[in-house]
Every structure is written in C-alpha cells, then in structure tokens.
Protein backbone atom coordinates (compact mmCIF):
# COMPACT_ATOMS: atom_id res chain seq x y z
CA MET A 1 62.25 -189.58 -5.62
CA GLY A 2 62.92 -189.36 -9.35
CA GLU A 3 60.11 -186.81 -9.71
CA LYS A 4 57.60 -189.37 -8.39
CA LYS A 5 56.00 -189.52 -4.96
CA MET A 6 57.66 -192.11 -2.76
CA SER A 7 55.58 -195.21 -2.21
CA LYS A 8 56.03 -198.77 -1.02
CA SER A 9 54.50 -200.14 -4.19
CA LEU A 10 56.98 -198.36 -6.43
CA GLY A 11 59.88 -199.01 -4.07
CA ASN A 12 61.35 -195.59 -4.86
CA VAL A 13 62.45 -194.73 -1.35
CA LEU A 14 65.61 -193.50 0.32
CA ASP A 15 66.28 -196.03 3.06
CA PRO A 16 67.32 -193.96 6.11
CA PHE A 17 69.17 -196.85 7.73
CA GLU A 18 71.25 -197.51 4.63
CA ALA A 19 71.99 -193.79 4.39
CA ILE A 20 73.05 -193.61 8.03
CA GLU A 21 75.25 -196.69 7.67
CA ARG A 22 77.13 -195.18 4.73
CA PHE A 23 77.03 -191.44 5.41
CA GLY A 24 76.23 -191.12 9.13
CA ALA A 25 73.23 -189.64 10.94
CA ASP A 26 74.68 -186.12 10.75
CA ALA A 27 74.82 -186.32 6.97
CA LEU A 28 71.22 -187.55 6.68
CA ARG A 29 69.94 -184.78 8.95
CA PHE A 30 71.97 -182.21 7.02
CA TYR A 31 70.74 -183.46 3.65
CA CYS A 32 67.08 -183.29 4.64
CA PHE A 33 67.43 -179.69 5.78
CA ARG A 34 69.48 -178.68 2.73
CA GLU A 35 67.35 -180.37 0.10
CA VAL A 36 63.79 -179.77 1.34
CA SER A 37 62.48 -176.58 2.95
CA PHE A 38 60.62 -177.18 6.19
CA GLY A 39 56.92 -177.81 5.58
CA GLN A 40 57.33 -178.20 1.81
CA ASP A 41 57.48 -181.11 -0.60
CA GLY A 42 60.84 -181.70 -2.19
CA SER A 43 62.78 -184.04 -4.43
CA VAL A 44 65.51 -186.27 -3.03
CA SER A 45 67.82 -188.82 -4.61
CA ALA A 46 70.72 -191.06 -3.72
CA PRO A 47 73.08 -189.27 -6.17
CA GLY A 48 71.99 -185.92 -4.76
CA PHE A 49 72.71 -187.15 -1.25
CA GLU A 50 76.19 -188.27 -2.23
CA SER A 51 76.86 -184.97 -4.00
CA ARG A 52 75.83 -182.92 -0.96
CA TYR A 53 78.04 -185.07 1.24
CA GLU A 54 81.10 -184.78 -0.97
CA THR A 55 80.88 -181.14 -2.00
CA GLU A 56 79.53 -179.55 1.17
CA LEU A 57 80.21 -181.71 4.20
CA ALA A 58 83.52 -183.28 3.14
CA ASN A 59 84.94 -180.44 1.03
CA ASP A 60 83.42 -177.17 2.25
CA PHE A 61 83.15 -177.81 5.98
CA GLY A 62 85.36 -180.81 6.65
CA ASN A 63 88.26 -179.45 4.62
CA LEU A 64 87.95 -176.01 6.23
CA ALA A 65 88.17 -177.61 9.68
CA SER A 66 91.13 -179.82 8.76
CA ARG A 67 93.10 -177.00 7.12
CA THR A 68 92.48 -174.55 9.94
CA LEU A 69 93.52 -176.97 12.69
CA ALA A 70 96.51 -178.15 10.67
CA MET A 71 97.77 -174.60 10.07
CA LEU A 72 97.34 -173.68 13.73
CA ALA A 73 99.34 -176.77 14.68
CA ARG A 74 102.05 -176.16 12.11
CA TYR A 75 102.51 -172.42 12.41
CA ARG A 76 101.54 -171.68 16.03
CA ASP A 77 101.90 -175.00 17.89
CA GLY A 78 98.12 -175.32 18.13
CA ALA A 79 97.53 -171.99 19.89
CA VAL A 80 95.05 -169.48 18.49
CA PRO A 81 96.91 -166.15 18.17
CA GLU A 82 95.53 -162.94 19.57
CA GLY A 83 93.73 -160.92 16.95
CA GLU A 84 90.77 -158.84 15.86
CA PRO A 85 88.03 -159.56 13.31
CA ASP A 86 89.28 -158.93 9.79
CA PRO A 87 87.00 -156.42 8.01
CA GLU A 88 87.24 -158.70 4.97
CA LEU A 89 85.11 -161.23 6.88
CA THR A 90 82.68 -159.04 8.77
CA GLY A 91 80.63 -157.21 6.13
CA GLY A 92 78.68 -158.11 3.02
CA ASP A 93 75.87 -160.56 2.40
CA ASP A 94 78.04 -163.44 3.60
CA GLY A 95 79.88 -161.58 6.37
CA LEU A 96 80.17 -163.24 9.75
CA GLN A 97 79.17 -160.22 11.76
CA GLY A 98 75.62 -160.53 13.11
CA LEU A 99 75.25 -164.21 12.21
CA PRO A 100 73.52 -165.15 15.52
CA GLY A 101 70.78 -162.61 14.88
CA ILE A 102 70.25 -163.81 11.31
CA VAL A 103 70.04 -167.46 12.36
CA SER A 104 67.78 -166.71 15.33
CA GLU A 105 65.35 -164.71 13.18
CA LEU A 106 65.07 -167.45 10.58
CA ILE A 107 64.60 -170.17 13.19
CA ASP A 108 61.89 -168.09 14.90
CA ARG A 109 60.11 -167.98 11.52
CA ALA A 110 60.34 -171.79 11.27
CA GLU A 111 62.81 -171.58 8.38
CA PRO A 112 65.60 -173.96 9.44
CA SER A 113 66.69 -174.65 5.85
CA GLN A 114 67.14 -170.94 5.19
CA ALA A 115 69.05 -170.61 8.46
CA LEU A 116 71.34 -173.44 7.37
CA GLU A 117 71.91 -171.72 4.02
CA ALA A 118 72.86 -168.52 5.86
CA VAL A 119 75.45 -170.42 7.89
CA TRP A 120 76.74 -172.23 4.82
CA ALA A 121 77.31 -168.96 3.01
CA ARG A 122 79.76 -168.12 5.82
CA VAL A 123 81.43 -171.52 5.53
CA ARG A 124 82.07 -170.79 1.86
CA ARG A 125 83.34 -167.30 2.71
CA LEU A 126 85.88 -168.73 5.14
CA ASN A 127 87.11 -171.13 2.46
CA ARG A 128 87.62 -168.23 0.07
CA TYR A 129 89.43 -166.36 2.82
CA VAL A 130 91.97 -169.19 3.03
CA GLU A 131 92.69 -168.92 -0.68
CA GLU A 132 92.79 -165.13 -0.62
CA THR A 133 95.17 -164.82 2.34
CA ARG A 134 97.34 -167.89 1.59
CA PRO A 135 98.70 -168.49 5.11
CA TRP A 136 101.36 -170.84 3.72
CA ASP A 137 102.90 -167.98 1.77
CA LEU A 138 102.80 -165.74 4.84
CA SER A 139 104.63 -168.45 6.77
CA LYS A 140 107.33 -168.64 4.09
CA GLN A 141 107.76 -164.87 4.15
CA GLN A 142 108.03 -164.91 7.92
CA GLY A 143 110.56 -167.74 7.81
CA ALA A 144 112.64 -165.97 5.16
CA SER A 145 112.63 -162.74 7.11
CA ARG A 146 113.88 -164.54 10.18
CA GLN A 147 117.00 -165.37 8.21
CA GLU A 148 117.39 -161.68 7.34
CA PRO A 149 117.81 -159.82 10.63
CA TYR A 150 118.25 -156.52 8.83
CA GLN A 151 114.63 -156.52 7.68
CA PRO A 152 112.61 -156.45 10.93
CA ARG A 153 109.73 -154.61 9.26
CA THR A 154 109.24 -157.46 6.76
CA ARG A 155 109.42 -160.00 9.52
CA SER A 156 106.88 -158.16 11.66
CA ALA A 157 104.46 -157.59 8.79
CA ALA A 158 104.43 -161.22 7.71
CA GLY A 159 104.19 -162.58 11.24
CA ASP A 160 101.48 -160.16 12.29
CA ARG A 161 99.47 -160.83 9.16
CA LEU A 162 99.72 -164.58 9.69
CA ASP A 163 98.53 -164.18 13.29
CA LEU A 164 95.56 -162.14 12.10
CA VAL A 165 94.60 -164.67 9.44
CA LEU A 166 94.89 -167.66 11.77
CA TYR A 167 92.87 -165.92 14.46
CA ASN A 168 90.09 -165.13 12.00
CA LEU A 169 90.00 -168.66 10.63
CA ALA A 170 89.82 -170.19 14.10
CA GLU A 171 87.22 -167.69 15.29
CA GLY A 172 85.15 -167.98 12.13
CA LEU A 173 85.24 -171.78 12.34
CA ARG A 174 84.14 -171.62 15.98
CA VAL A 175 81.20 -169.33 15.20
CA VAL A 176 79.84 -171.35 12.26
CA THR A 177 80.30 -174.64 14.13
CA LEU A 178 78.20 -173.37 17.04
CA ALA A 179 75.51 -172.40 14.54
CA LEU A 180 75.71 -175.86 12.91
CA LEU A 181 75.38 -177.75 16.19
CA PRO A 182 71.63 -178.53 15.76
CA TYR A 183 72.18 -179.78 12.21
CA ILE A 184 75.30 -181.93 12.58
CA PRO A 185 75.58 -182.43 16.37
CA GLU A 186 78.09 -185.29 16.38
CA ALA A 187 80.61 -183.61 14.07
CA ALA A 188 80.07 -180.20 15.67
CA GLU A 189 80.71 -181.53 19.17
CA LYS A 190 83.91 -183.18 17.98
CA LEU A 191 85.13 -179.99 16.33
CA LEU A 192 84.15 -177.71 19.22
CA GLY A 193 86.18 -179.95 21.51
CA ALA A 194 89.17 -179.59 19.19
CA LEU A 195 88.71 -175.82 19.27
CA ALA A 196 88.59 -175.84 23.10
CA GLU A 197 85.10 -174.31 23.05
CA ASP A 198 82.99 -175.02 26.15
CA GLU A 199 79.92 -172.94 25.30
CA ARG A 200 77.13 -174.23 23.08
CA GLY A 201 75.06 -171.13 22.33
CA LEU A 202 75.31 -168.94 19.25
CA ALA A 203 78.31 -166.59 19.39
CA GLU A 204 79.19 -163.32 17.70
CA PHE A 205 82.24 -163.29 15.48
CA GLY A 206 85.15 -161.86 17.46
CA SER A 207 83.58 -162.49 20.87
CA ARG A 208 86.44 -164.78 21.90
CA GLY A 209 90.05 -163.72 21.88
CA GLY A 210 93.14 -165.78 21.23
CA GLY A 211 94.95 -168.17 23.53
CA ALA A 212 92.87 -171.34 23.11
CA ARG A 213 94.86 -174.54 22.62
CA THR A 214 93.50 -176.49 19.67
CA GLN A 215 94.18 -180.03 18.57
CA ARG A 216 94.03 -181.84 15.26
CA ILE A 217 91.34 -184.46 14.68
CA ASP A 218 90.49 -187.05 12.07
CA PRO A 219 88.42 -185.85 9.09
CA LEU A 220 84.87 -185.03 10.17
CA PHE A 221 83.37 -186.36 6.95
CA PRO A 222 85.77 -188.82 5.30
CA LYS A 223 85.79 -189.24 1.55
CA LEU A 224 83.39 -191.95 0.42
CA ASP A 225 84.61 -195.32 -0.74
CA PRO A 226 83.27 -196.37 -4.16
CA VAL A 227 80.16 -198.53 -3.95
CA GLU A 228 80.89 -202.04 -5.13
CA PRO A 229 78.34 -203.36 -7.66
CA ASP A 230 75.99 -206.04 -6.39
CA ALA A 231 77.23 -209.32 -7.89
CA SER A 232 73.74 -210.80 -7.67
CA THR A 233 72.41 -208.27 -10.18
CA SER A 234 75.24 -208.56 -12.72
C-alpha cells in the first residue's frame, strides 16, 4: 500500500469490510485478481480500487450488460433473435472463439489473473462491437424502410443485420458472464438469470441459438456516490 508493505503499526491497510460495504464482495474479489497476480506481491490502493470499479466493473461490464438487455427489450421485445457468430467477433487475439480452452489452460496453470485478463479482453471487444455496429442506427433504418414498402431489400437488410448484431451481443455476453462466474459470482448469477441461462459451465461462443427470453435488471455495479469528508478530521 503506497509502495510500502502493509503493517498494523503503519496502519496502511485496505480494510476488506469497508471495501465490501462500499463496493460489494464481488468488486473486492475482482480487484484482488486484477491487481495482483496469484502467488506474487503487488501494490494496492483505495484510489486504484475505485478506478477499477468505475472503469471496468461499472463501465465495461455493467454498461455492456445494461445496453444489451435494453436493446433486446426495445428492438425485439426481450427475445434473442436467431443468428450465427459474426466473424468480426470470432477471430483475433481478443476473439470469442475458443475462450473456454484459453481460460481452462490458464486456470490449470494456476494463473487466474491472466485468465481474467483474457475474459476482460473479450468484454472490451464486445463494447467496441456495439459502437462499430450501432444497433440504434440499424433500428432507425429498419423503421424507415417499413414506411417505404417499395424498398423491401433495404428493409430486409437492416432488419437482418440488427438481428445478427443483437444475437451476437447476447451470445457474447452469455459466454463472458459464464467465464466470470468464479470472479464475480453474485453479479454473474443475476445476469445469467436475466439471460435465461441455466447452465454454469464454460460455453463456446455460438453454442446457443436464439429464442431465449431476456429481462432487464438494475445496474450490476451502480455508479459510486461521492465520499463525504469526515467532519471530525476537518
């Protein structure tokens, strides 16, 4: 803590109970795995904890979950459309294809932090996919084409593309959430329930088709309230 070894005499400790009260047990577990490699010494700090929570749990993962479920509800009445894995998400260093094997190998080598990083790379990829595909624009194009019955090809292209994107977001979210279950079990269980997922083992991307009925949920990792200064120290 602060580049010095934690000790009772110095008082430079991260109180786990205070952290759990403010951030939740999932966030504390996640932070420990993200910040310190298993079996190694590492530096931790309260500001670093808050930064991980805000940027990764609340923004990267929590926002991805909220946006995906909201778009499924708005554009497809909560149903996951039928679809196939988008090649844009399957290949590359952060592709979702083969994720169970990657995670399993790292866990077998007692490298849980590296396994978590591998999963998180896919969380970031799914967030970029949202911005690249812009489902809201596809929905507008589909809606406009519905008012133009003489352009069925435009209507079909926009609607089919939107179905493909929504399927891939729902399926990608399902796959990464299953992989995150050991790290953030409470949030993962809540999200898997919203995705109508009954299994709890690692799953290959594209191994489940469409048709699941999803439901919206409250934010998994709510934004933090500002910490009020301690009046006794002012």
